[in-house]
Amino acid sequence: MTAMLTGELKGRTLYLIVNAARLDGATARDFKVECQQLWPQEVESVVIDLCSVEFIDSSGIGALLSVYKRLPRETGRVTLLRVRPPVQSVVELLRLHRILQIQS
């Protein structure tokens, strides 16, 4: 089985690359488990590269929010990179772009 996430820690920022076309009910649990395995204690921000993700549903959104909730309230930040238009539409529809920063 191929890992869903690739991760690297740079300073206090954890960089994650999602290696799946879908972040949905079938894959969100794997995302959370692998994220837990890659997560060192000193993380203060997370950058998630979603370049491969073509589809996201409520379970996938929940997985992204679980990352946000693990971060320190004062300094924690989640940035989404290379978000495809269908995924960005869902994030914006739910107004999550207010707490999850989106960068091209």
Foldseek 3Di string as FASTA:
>chain_A
DDQQWDWDDDPQEIEIEGPAQEQEPVCLVSLQVVCVVRDDPSHAEYEYEDQNHNYYDPSSVVSVVVQQVVHDPPRYAYEYENDDPVRVVVCVVVPVCVRYPYDD
